[in-house]
Amino acid sequence: MISVLVHHKVADYQRWKATFDSSLDFRHKAGEQSCRIFFDPDKENDLTLLFEWEDVNLARRFMNSSELRERMKEAGVLDQPTIEFLHEMYTVRRSAAD
């Protein structure tokens, strides 16, 4: 499992989210396992996405695809995204007993 961290700004969150949601099958077929969306509390259109992908090669192929670039343009992504591919090394989980 690989994590992919993507950061970009969008013109309009609702427009972006509609395109993102309509691309669920596109992402899933390419190997996406899950996605979490974060935004800067002071700037709703400044987004960070955290994906889990089947493997790094599938993730890289998807993130570099021309179809993704077209969908991002359609969604109103304003800048070149920052994309990081991450392997988890260590996890600490806290419980109420800690």
PDB file of N, CA and C in Angstrom:
ATOM      1  N   MET A   1       0.855  -1.178   0.000  1.00  0.00           N
ATOM      2  CA  MET A   1       0.000   0.000   0.000  1.00  0.00           C
ATOM      3  C   MET A   1       0.894   1.231   0.000  1.00  0.00           C
ATOM      4  N   ILE A   2       0.516   2.218  -0.795  1.00  0.00           N
ATOM      5  CA  ILE A   2       1.261   3.469  -0.905  1.00  0.00           C
ATOM      6  C   ILE A   2       0.316   4.627  -0.604  1.00  0.00           C
ATOM      7  N   SER A   3       0.818   5.636   0.063  1.00  0.00           N
ATOM      8  CA  SER A   3       0.037   6.859   0.271  1.00  0.00           C
ATOM      9  C   SER A   3       0.509   7.895  -0.729  1.00  0.00           C
ATOM     10  N   VAL A   4      -0.433   8.675  -1.216  1.00  0.00           N
ATOM     11  CA  VAL A   4      -0.119   9.749  -2.156  1.00  0.00           C
ATOM     12  C   VAL A   4      -0.704  11.029  -1.580  1.00  0.00           C
ATOM     13  N   LEU A   5       0.135  12.033  -1.418  1.00  0.00           N
ATOM     14  CA  LEU A   5      -0.266  13.327  -0.887  1.00  0.00           C
ATOM     15  C   LEU A   5      -0.276  14.321  -2.043  1.00  0.00           C
ATOM     16  N   VAL A   6      -1.422  14.955  -2.278  1.00  0.00           N
ATOM     17  CA  VAL A   6      -1.574  15.905  -3.382  1.00  0.00           C
ATOM     18  C   VAL A   6      -2.039  17.231  -2.805  1.00  0.00           C
ATOM     19  N   HIS A   7      -1.407  18.307  -3.227  1.00  0.00           N
ATOM     20  CA  HIS A   7      -1.809  19.649  -2.788  1.00  0.00           C
ATOM     21  C   HIS A   7      -2.008  20.525  -4.018  1.00  0.00           C
ATOM     22  N   HIS A   8      -3.166  21.204  -4.077  1.00  0.00           N
ATOM     23  CA  HIS A   8      -3.407  22.189  -5.133  1.00  0.00           C
ATOM     24  C   HIS A   8      -4.508  23.151  -4.729  1.00  0.00           C
ATOM     25  N   LYS A   9      -4.594  24.245  -5.485  1.00  0.00           N
ATOM     26  CA  LYS A   9      -5.636  25.244  -5.262  1.00  0.00           C
ATOM     27  C   LYS A   9      -6.664  25.120  -6.378  1.00  0.00           C
ATOM     28  N   VAL A  10      -7.927  25.384  -6.032  1.00  0.00           N
ATOM     29  CA  VAL A  10      -9.012  25.302  -7.001  1.00  0.00           C
ATOM     30  C   VAL A  10      -9.756  26.637  -7.047  1.00  0.00           C
ATOM     31  N   ALA A  11     -10.375  26.905  -8.197  1.00  0.00           N
ATOM     32  CA  ALA A  11     -11.125  28.151  -8.362  1.00  0.00           C
ATOM     33  C   ALA A  11     -12.391  28.145  -7.521  1.00  0.00           C
ATOM     34  N   ASP A  12     -13.077  27.012  -7.482  1.00  0.00           N
ATOM     35  CA  ASP A  12     -14.354  26.905  -6.778  1.00  0.00           C
ATOM     36  C   ASP A  12     -14.485  25.495  -6.220  1.00  0.00           C
ATOM     37  N   TYR A  13     -14.570  25.389  -4.908  1.00  0.00           N
ATOM     38  CA  TYR A  13     -14.593  24.065  -4.285  1.00  0.00           C
ATOM     39  C   TYR A  13     -15.769  23.227  -4.775  1.00  0.00           C
ATOM     40  N   GLN A  14     -16.970  23.764  -4.861  1.00  0.00           N
ATOM     41  CA  GLN A  14     -18.143  22.978  -5.262  1.00  0.00           C
ATOM     42  C   GLN A  14     -17.982  22.424  -6.683  1.00  0.00           C
ATOM     43  N   ARG A  15     -17.461  23.237  -7.579  1.00  0.00           N
ATOM     44  CA  ARG A  15     -17.207  22.774  -8.957  1.00  0.00           C
ATOM     45  C   ARG A  15     -16.167  21.649  -8.944  1.00  0.00           C
ATOM     46  N   TRP A  16     -15.078  21.866  -8.203  1.00  0.00           N
ATOM     47  CA  TRP A  16     -14.032  20.854  -8.114  1.00  0.00           C
ATOM     48  C   TRP A  16     -14.590  19.559  -7.546  1.00  0.00           C
ATOM     49  N   LYS A  17     -15.368  19.644  -6.461  1.00  0.00           N
ATOM     50  CA  LYS A  17     -15.888  18.453  -5.784  1.00  0.00           C
ATOM     51  C   LYS A  17     -16.830  17.669  -6.687  1.00  0.00           C
ATOM     52  N   ALA A  18     -17.641  18.351  -7.482  1.00  0.00           N
ATOM     53  CA  ALA A  18     -18.542  17.654  -8.412  1.00  0.00           C
ATOM     54  C   ALA A  18     -17.737  16.831  -9.412  1.00  0.00           C
ATOM     55  N   THR A  19     -16.668  17.398  -9.953  1.00  0.00           N
ATOM     56  CA  THR A  19     -15.822  16.673 -10.899  1.00  0.00           C
ATOM     57  C   THR A  19     -15.086  15.540 -10.190  1.00  0.00           C
ATOM     58  N   PHE A  20     -14.584  15.802  -9.000  1.00  0.00           N
ATOM     59  CA  PHE A  20     -13.891  14.778  -8.215  1.00  0.00           C
ATOM     60  C   PHE A  20     -14.819  13.594  -7.948  1.00  0.00           C
ATOM     61  N   ASP A  21     -16.028  13.873  -7.508  1.00  0.00           N
ATOM     62  CA  ASP A  21     -16.992  12.809  -7.209  1.00  0.00           C
ATOM     63  C   ASP A  21     -17.369  12.011  -8.452  1.00  0.00           C
ATOM     64  N   SER A  22     -17.498  12.693  -9.579  1.00  0.00           N
ATOM     65  CA  SER A  22     -17.868  11.985 -10.812  1.00  0.00           C
ATOM     66  C   SER A  22     -16.715  11.136 -11.359  1.00  0.00           C
ATOM     67  N   SER A  23     -15.531  11.288 -10.795  1.00  0.00           N
ATOM     68  CA  SER A  23     -14.348  10.540 -11.231  1.00  0.00           C
ATOM     69  C   SER A  23     -14.030   9.351 -10.327  1.00  0.00           C
ATOM     70  N   LEU A  24     -14.948   8.968  -9.454  1.00  0.00           N
ATOM     71  CA  LEU A  24     -14.707   7.873  -8.519  1.00  0.00           C
ATOM     72  C   LEU A  24     -14.308   6.584  -9.236  1.00  0.00           C
ATOM     73  N   ASP A  25     -15.061   6.167 -10.245  1.00  0.00           N
ATOM     74  CA  ASP A  25     -14.740   4.931 -10.970  1.00  0.00           C
ATOM     75  C   ASP A  25     -13.397   5.041 -11.692  1.00  0.00           C
ATOM     76  N   PHE A  26     -13.119   6.204 -12.261  1.00  0.00           N
ATOM     77  CA  PHE A  26     -11.848   6.454 -12.938  1.00  0.00           C
ATOM     78  C   PHE A  26     -10.677   6.218 -11.978  1.00  0.00           C
ATOM     79  N   ARG A  27     -10.770   6.758 -10.760  1.00  0.00           N
ATOM     80  CA  ARG A  27      -9.705   6.591  -9.773  1.00  0.00           C
ATOM     81  C   ARG A  27      -9.644   5.160  -9.262  1.00  0.00           C
ATOM     82  N   HIS A  28     -10.790   4.573  -8.984  1.00  0.00           N
ATOM     83  CA  HIS A  28     -10.829   3.220  -8.436  1.00  0.00           C
ATOM     84  C   HIS A  28     -10.228   2.200  -9.419  1.00  0.00           C
ATOM     85  N   LYS A  29     -10.584   2.309 -10.689  1.00  0.00           N
ATOM     86  CA  LYS A  29     -10.045   1.397 -11.705  1.00  0.00           C
ATOM     87  C   LYS A  29      -8.530   1.531 -11.836  1.00  0.00           C
ATOM     88  N   ALA A  30      -8.010   2.716 -11.485  1.00  0.00           N
ATOM     89  CA  ALA A  30      -6.566   2.954 -11.574  1.00  0.00           C
ATOM     90  C   ALA A  30      -5.826   2.492 -10.322  1.00  0.00           C
ATOM     91  N   GLY A  31      -6.569   2.039  -9.289  1.00  0.00           N
ATOM     92  CA  GLY A  31      -5.917   1.490  -8.108  1.00  0.00           C
ATOM     93  C   GLY A  31      -6.139   2.238  -6.812  1.00  0.00           C
ATOM     94  N   GLU A  32      -6.929   3.313  -6.833  1.00  0.00           N
ATOM     95  CA  GLU A  32      -7.191   4.046  -5.594  1.00  0.00           C
ATOM     96  C   GLU A  32      -7.974   3.178  -4.615  1.00  0.00           C
ATOM     97  N   GLN A  33      -7.527   3.174  -3.360  1.00  0.00           N
ATOM     98  CA  GLN A  33      -8.206   2.423  -2.304  1.00  0.00           C
ATOM     99  C   GLN A  33      -9.046   3.331  -1.409  1.00  0.00           C
ATOM    100  N   SER A  34      -8.575   4.550  -1.183  1.00  0.00           N
ATOM    101  CA  SER A  34      -9.310   5.504  -0.355  1.00  0.00           C
ATOM    102  C   SER A  34      -8.768   6.904  -0.592  1.00  0.00           C
ATOM    103  N   CYS A  35      -9.534   7.888  -0.145  1.00  0.00           N
ATOM    104  CA  CYS A  35      -9.095   9.276  -0.265  1.00  0.00           C
ATOM    105  C   CYS A  35      -9.689  10.088   0.876  1.00  0.00           C
ATOM    106  N   ARG A  36      -8.880  10.981   1.411  1.00  0.00           N
ATOM    107  CA  ARG A  36      -9.331  11.957   2.404  1.00  0.00           C
ATOM    108  C   ARG A  36      -9.017  13.333   1.850  1.00  0.00           C
ATOM    109  N   ILE A  37      -9.935  14.274   2.038  1.00  0.00           N
ATOM    110  CA  ILE A  37      -9.777  15.637   1.533  1.00  0.00           C
ATOM    111  C   ILE A  37      -9.648  16.573   2.732  1.00  0.00           C
ATOM    112  N   PHE A  38      -8.629  17.421   2.688  1.00  0.00           N
ATOM    113  CA  PHE A  38      -8.391  18.417   3.724  1.00  0.00           C
ATOM    114  C   PHE A  38      -8.346  19.794   3.073  1.00  0.00           C
ATOM    115  N   PHE A  39      -8.671  20.832   3.848  1.00  0.00           N
ATOM    116  CA  PHE A  39      -8.516  22.186   3.332  1.00  0.00           C
ATOM    117  C   PHE A  39      -7.987  23.089   4.427  1.00  0.00           C
ATOM    118  N   ASP A  40      -7.351  24.166   4.019  1.00  0.00           N
ATOM    119  CA  ASP A  40      -6.853  25.174   4.944  1.00  0.00           C
ATOM    120  C   ASP A  40      -8.071  25.877   5.546  1.00  0.00           C
ATOM    121  N   PRO A  41      -8.211  25.935   6.864  1.00  0.00           N
ATOM    122  CA  PRO A  41      -9.392  26.555   7.473  1.00  0.00           C
ATOM    123  C   PRO A  41      -9.602  28.014   7.063  1.00  0.00           C
ATOM    124  N   ASP A  42      -8.542  28.683   6.668  1.00  0.00           N
ATOM    125  CA  ASP A  42      -8.653  30.082   6.246  1.00  0.00           C
ATOM    126  C   ASP A  42      -8.828  30.236   4.740  1.00  0.00           C
ATOM    127  N   LYS A  43      -8.643  29.138   4.000  1.00  0.00           N
ATOM    128  CA  LYS A  43      -8.717  29.196   2.528  1.00  0.00           C
ATOM    129  C   LYS A  43      -9.371  27.907   2.029  1.00  0.00           C
ATOM    130  N   GLU A  44     -10.675  27.907   1.892  1.00  0.00           N
ATOM    131  CA  GLU A  44     -11.412  26.695   1.527  1.00  0.00           C
ATOM    132  C   GLU A  44     -10.968  26.088   0.201  1.00  0.00           C
ATOM    133  N   ASN A  45     -10.428  26.884  -0.689  1.00  0.00           N
ATOM    134  CA  ASN A  45     -10.042  26.395  -2.015  1.00  0.00           C
ATOM    135  C   ASN A  45      -8.592  25.928  -2.090  1.00  0.00           C
ATOM    136  N   ASP A  46      -7.924  25.844  -0.949  1.00  0.00           N
ATOM    137  CA  ASP A  46      -6.545  25.362  -0.854  1.00  0.00           C
ATOM    138  C   ASP A  46      -6.612  23.938  -0.300  1.00  0.00           C
ATOM    139  N   LEU A  47      -6.523  22.946  -1.191  1.00  0.00           N
ATOM    140  CA  LEU A  47      -6.822  21.559  -0.846  1.00  0.00           C
ATOM    141  C   LEU A  47      -5.583  20.678  -0.727  1.00  0.00           C
ATOM    142  N   THR A  48      -5.668  19.729   0.197  1.00  0.00           N
ATOM    143  CA  THR A  48      -4.694  18.654   0.321  1.00  0.00           C
ATOM    144  C   THR A  48      -5.475  17.351   0.332  1.00  0.00           C
ATOM    145  N   LEU A  49      -5.074  16.407  -0.508  1.00  0.00           N
ATOM    146  CA  LEU A  49      -5.740  15.114  -0.593  1.00  0.00           C
ATOM    147  C   LEU A  49      -4.752  14.031  -0.195  1.00  0.00           C
ATOM    148  N   LEU A  50      -5.238  13.072   0.577  1.00  0.00           N
ATOM    149  CA  LEU A  50      -4.416  11.949   0.994  1.00  0.00           C
ATOM    150  C   LEU A  50      -5.081  10.671   0.482  1.00  0.00           C
ATOM    151  N   PHE A  51      -4.418  10.035  -0.480  1.00  0.00           N
ATOM    152  CA  PHE A  51      -4.923   8.815  -1.106  1.00  0.00           C
ATOM    153  C   PHE A  51      -4.175   7.603  -0.575  1.00  0.00           C
ATOM    154  N   GLU A  52      -4.829   6.453  -0.607  1.00  0.00           N
ATOM    155  CA  GLU A  52      -4.151   5.167  -0.484  1.00  0.00           C
ATOM    156  C   GLU A  52      -4.308   4.478  -1.829  1.00  0.00           C
ATOM    157  N   TRP A  53      -3.201   3.928  -2.318  1.00  0.00           N
ATOM    158  CA  TRP A  53      -3.165   3.320  -3.639  1.00  0.00           C
ATOM    159  C   TRP A  53      -2.651   1.894  -3.522  1.00  0.00           C
ATOM    160  N   GLU A  54      -3.018   1.025  -4.453  1.00  0.00           N
ATOM    161  CA  GLU A  54      -2.571  -0.374  -4.429  1.00  0.00           C
ATOM    162  C   GLU A  54      -1.051  -0.483  -4.428  1.00  0.00           C
ATOM    163  N   ASP A  55      -0.413   0.231  -5.354  1.00  0.00           N
ATOM    164  CA  ASP A  55       1.056   0.222  -5.378  1.00  0.00           C
ATOM    165  C   ASP A  55       1.575   1.494  -6.031  1.00  0.00           C
ATOM    166  N   VAL A  56       2.844   1.754  -5.841  1.00  0.00           N
ATOM    167  CA  VAL A  56       3.445   3.003  -6.286  1.00  0.00           C
ATOM    168  C   VAL A  56       3.447   3.137  -7.804  1.00  0.00           C
ATOM    169  N   ASN A  57       3.627   2.056  -8.544  1.00  0.00           N
ATOM    170  CA  ASN A  57       3.645   2.154 -10.001  1.00  0.00           C
ATOM    171  C   ASN A  57       2.286   2.555 -10.554  1.00  0.00           C
ATOM    172  N   LEU A  58       1.224   1.974 -10.012  1.00  0.00           N
ATOM    173  CA  LEU A  58      -0.127   2.370 -10.436  1.00  0.00           C
ATOM    174  C   LEU A  58      -0.409   3.821 -10.061  1.00  0.00           C
ATOM    175  N   ALA A  59       0.013   4.218  -8.878  1.00  0.00           N
ATOM    176  CA  ALA A  59      -0.205   5.598  -8.434  1.00  0.00           C
ATOM    177  C   ALA A  59       0.534   6.590  -9.325  1.00  0.00           C
ATOM    178  N   ARG A  60       1.775   6.297  -9.629  1.00  0.00           N
ATOM    179  CA  ARG A  60       2.559   7.199 -10.497  1.00  0.00           C
ATOM    180  C   ARG A  60       1.953   7.287 -11.898  1.00  0.00           C
ATOM    181  N   ARG A  61       1.548   6.149 -12.433  1.00  0.00           N
ATOM    182  CA  ARG A  61       0.941   6.144 -13.768  1.00  0.00           C
ATOM    183  C   ARG A  61      -0.316   7.023 -13.779  1.00  0.00           C
ATOM    184  N   PHE A  62      -1.145   6.867 -12.758  1.00  0.00           N
ATOM    185  CA  PHE A  62      -2.374   7.654 -12.682  1.00  0.00           C
ATOM    186  C   PHE A  62      -2.067   9.145 -12.523  1.00  0.00           C
ATOM    187  N   MET A  63      -1.189   9.485 -11.582  1.00  0.00           N
ATOM    188  CA  MET A  63      -0.902  10.893 -11.292  1.00  0.00           C
ATOM    189  C   MET A  63      -0.231  11.601 -12.465  1.00  0.00           C
ATOM    190  N   ASN A  64       0.405  10.845 -13.352  1.00  0.00           N
ATOM    191  CA  ASN A  64       1.062  11.436 -14.520  1.00  0.00           C
ATOM    192  C   ASN A  64       0.237  11.322 -15.795  1.00  0.00           C
ATOM    193  N   SER A  65      -0.984  10.840 -15.692  1.00  0.00           N
ATOM    194  CA  SER A  65      -1.796  10.595 -16.886  1.00  0.00           C
ATOM    195  C   SER A  65      -2.372  11.892 -17.475  1.00  0.00           C
ATOM    196  N   SER A  66      -2.476  11.912 -18.788  1.00  0.00           N
ATOM    197  CA  SER A  66      -3.067  13.066 -19.468  1.00  0.00           C
ATOM    198  C   SER A  66      -4.554  13.183 -19.143  1.00  0.00           C
ATOM    199  N   GLU A  67      -5.233  12.055 -18.926  1.00  0.00           N
ATOM    200  CA  GLU A  67      -6.657  12.114 -18.581  1.00  0.00           C
ATOM    201  C   GLU A  67      -6.855  12.804 -17.233  1.00  0.00           C
ATOM    202  N   LEU A  68      -5.989  12.536 -16.267  1.00  0.00           N
ATOM    203  CA  LEU A  68      -6.097  13.226 -14.978  1.00  0.00           C
ATOM    204  C   LEU A  68      -5.876  14.723 -15.156  1.00  0.00           C
ATOM    205  N   ARG A  69      -4.874  15.098 -15.941  1.00  0.00           N
ATOM    206  CA  ARG A  69      -4.622  16.525 -16.176  1.00  0.00           C
ATOM    207  C   ARG A  69      -5.842  17.203 -16.794  1.00  0.00           C
ATOM    208  N   GLU A  70      -6.513  16.534 -17.733  1.00  0.00           N
ATOM    209  CA  GLU A  70      -7.726  17.090 -18.344  1.00  0.00           C
ATOM    210  C   GLU A  70      -8.849  17.251 -17.328  1.00  0.00           C
ATOM    211  N   ARG A  71      -9.046  16.245 -16.497  1.00  0.00           N
ATOM    212  CA  ARG A  71     -10.104  16.312 -15.476  1.00  0.00           C
ATOM    213  C   ARG A  71      -9.810  17.409 -14.452  1.00  0.00           C
ATOM    214  N   MET A  72      -8.537  17.572 -14.107  1.00  0.00           N
ATOM    215  CA  MET A  72      -8.175  18.633 -13.160  1.00  0.00           C
ATOM    216  C   MET A  72      -8.437  20.009 -13.767  1.00  0.00           C
ATOM    217  N   LYS A  73      -8.136  20.159 -15.031  1.00  0.00           N
ATOM    218  CA  LYS A  73      -8.400  21.423 -15.722  1.00  0.00           C
ATOM    219  C   LYS A  73      -9.902  21.694 -15.736  1.00  0.00           C
ATOM    220  N   GLU A  74     -10.696  20.679 -16.070  1.00  0.00           N
ATOM    221  CA  GLU A  74     -12.152  20.787 -16.085  1.00  0.00           C
ATOM    222  C   GLU A  74     -12.695  21.159 -14.702  1.00  0.00           C
ATOM    223  N   ALA A  75     -12.063  20.656 -13.656  1.00  0.00           N
ATOM    224  CA  ALA A  75     -12.512  20.894 -12.287  1.00  0.00           C
ATOM    225  C   ALA A  75     -12.126  22.273 -11.760  1.00  0.00           C
ATOM    226  N   GLY A  76     -11.248  22.966 -12.479  1.00  0.00           N
ATOM    227  CA  GLY A  76     -10.838  24.298 -12.043  1.00  0.00           C
ATOM    228  C   GLY A  76      -9.618  24.326 -11.147  1.00  0.00           C
ATOM    229  N   VAL A  77      -8.735  23.332 -11.275  1.00  0.00           N
ATOM    230  CA  VAL A  77      -7.477  23.359 -10.533  1.00  0.00           C
ATOM    231  C   VAL A  77      -6.636  24.494 -11.101  1.00  0.00           C
ATOM    232  N   LEU A  78      -6.134  25.363 -10.220  1.00  0.00           N
ATOM    233  CA  LEU A  78      -5.481  26.598 -10.654  1.00  0.00           C
ATOM    234  C   LEU A  78      -3.982  26.486 -10.872  1.00  0.00           C
ATOM    235  N   ASP A  79      -3.350  25.524 -10.256  1.00  0.00           N
ATOM    236  CA  ASP A  79      -1.895  25.471 -10.327  1.00  0.00           C
ATOM    237  C   ASP A  79      -1.430  24.040 -10.555  1.00  0.00           C
ATOM    238  N   GLN A  80      -0.153  23.903 -10.756  1.00  0.00           N
ATOM    239  CA  GLN A  80       0.440  22.571 -10.873  1.00  0.00           C
ATOM    240  C   GLN A  80       0.405  21.932  -9.486  1.00  0.00           C
ATOM    241  N   PRO A  81      -0.184  20.749  -9.346  1.00  0.00           N
ATOM    242  CA  PRO A  81      -0.246  20.149  -8.013  1.00  0.00           C
ATOM    243  C   PRO A  81       1.125  19.702  -7.521  1.00  0.00           C
ATOM    244  N   THR A  82       1.280  19.707  -6.218  1.00  0.00           N
ATOM    245  CA  THR A  82       2.432  19.085  -5.575  1.00  0.00           C
ATOM    246  C   THR A  82       2.012  17.666  -5.236  1.00  0.00           C
ATOM    247  N   ILE A  83       2.783  16.683  -5.679  1.00  0.00           N
ATOM    248  CA  ILE A  83       2.437  15.277  -5.476  1.00  0.00           C
ATOM    249  C   ILE A  83       3.614  14.576  -4.810  1.00  0.00           C
ATOM    250  N   GLU A  84       3.320  13.873  -3.709  1.00  0.00           N
ATOM    251  CA  GLU A  84       4.337  13.103  -3.003  1.00  0.00           C
ATOM    252  C   GLU A  84       3.851  11.669  -2.847  1.00  0.00           C
ATOM    253  N   PHE A  85       4.743  10.723  -3.085  1.00  0.00           N
ATOM    254  CA  PHE A  85       4.457   9.302  -2.929  1.00  0.00           C
ATOM    255  C   PHE A  85       5.145   8.856  -1.636  1.00  0.00           C
ATOM    256  N   LEU A  86       4.378   8.274  -0.716  1.00  0.00           N
ATOM    257  CA  LEU A  86       4.881   7.993   0.621  1.00  0.00           C
ATOM    258  C   LEU A  86       4.647   6.542   1.030  1.00  0.00           C
ATOM    259  N   HIS A  87       5.694   5.900   1.531  1.00  0.00           N
ATOM    260  CA  HIS A  87       5.575   4.582   2.158  1.00  0.00           C
ATOM    261  C   HIS A  87       5.557   4.800   3.666  1.00  0.00           C
ATOM    262  N   GLU A  88       4.594   4.206   4.342  1.00  0.00           N
ATOM    263  CA  GLU A  88       4.528   4.340   5.795  1.00  0.00           C
ATOM    264  C   GLU A  88       5.645   3.520   6.439  1.00  0.00           C
ATOM    265  N   MET A  89       6.325   4.154   7.379  1.00  0.00           N
ATOM    266  CA  MET A  89       7.403   3.476   8.094  1.00  0.00           C
ATOM    267  C   MET A  89       6.997   3.086   9.506  1.00  0.00           C
ATOM    268  N   TYR A  90       6.116   3.882  10.124  1.00  0.00           N
ATOM    269  CA  TYR A  90       5.838   3.681  11.530  1.00  0.00           C
ATOM    270  C   TYR A  90       4.512   4.350  11.860  1.00  0.00           C
ATOM    271  N   THR A  91       3.712   3.724  12.717  1.00  0.00           N
ATOM    272  CA  THR A  91       2.445   4.287  13.157  1.00  0.00           C
ATOM    273  C   THR A  91       2.351   4.211  14.672  1.00  0.00           C
ATOM    274  N   VAL A  92       1.883   5.274  15.276  1.00  0.00           N
ATOM    275  CA  VAL A  92       1.569   5.288  16.702  1.00  0.00           C
ATOM    276  C   VAL A  92       0.090   5.595  16.821  1.00  0.00           C
ATOM    277  N   ARG A  93      -0.649   4.712  17.474  1.00  0.00           N
ATOM    278  CA  ARG A  93      -2.078   4.916  17.688  1.00  0.00           C
ATOM    279  C   ARG A  93      -2.295   5.112  19.181  1.00  0.00           C
ATOM    280  N   ARG A  94      -3.069   6.093  19.497  1.00  0.00           N
ATOM    281  CA  ARG A  94      -3.399   6.383  20.888  1.00  0.00           C
ATOM    282  C   ARG A  94      -4.792   5.875  21.192  1.00  0.00           C
ATOM    283  N   SER A  95      -5.006   5.505  22.428  1.00  0.00           N
ATOM    284  CA  SER A  95      -6.339   5.086  22.863  1.00  0.00           C
ATOM    285  C   SER A  95      -6.752   5.932  24.061  1.00  0.00           C
ATOM    286  N   ALA A  96      -7.999   5.801  24.466  1.00  0.00           N
ATOM    287  CA  ALA A  96      -8.484   6.556  25.614  1.00  0.00           C
ATOM    288  C   ALA A  96      -7.738   6.168  26.882  1.00  0.00           C
ATOM    289  N   ALA A  97      -7.140   4.987  26.898  1.00  0.00           N
ATOM    290  CA  ALA A  97      -6.405   4.511  28.076  1.00  0.00           C
ATOM    291  C   ALA A  97      -5.038   5.156  28.215  1.00  0.00           C
ATOM    292  N   ASP A  98      -4.526   5.803  27.172  1.00  0.00           N
ATOM    293  CA  ASP A  98      -3.182   6.422  27.211  1.00  0.00           C
ATOM    294  C   ASP A  98      -3.148   7.640  28.109  1.00  0.00           C
TER     295      ASP A  98
END
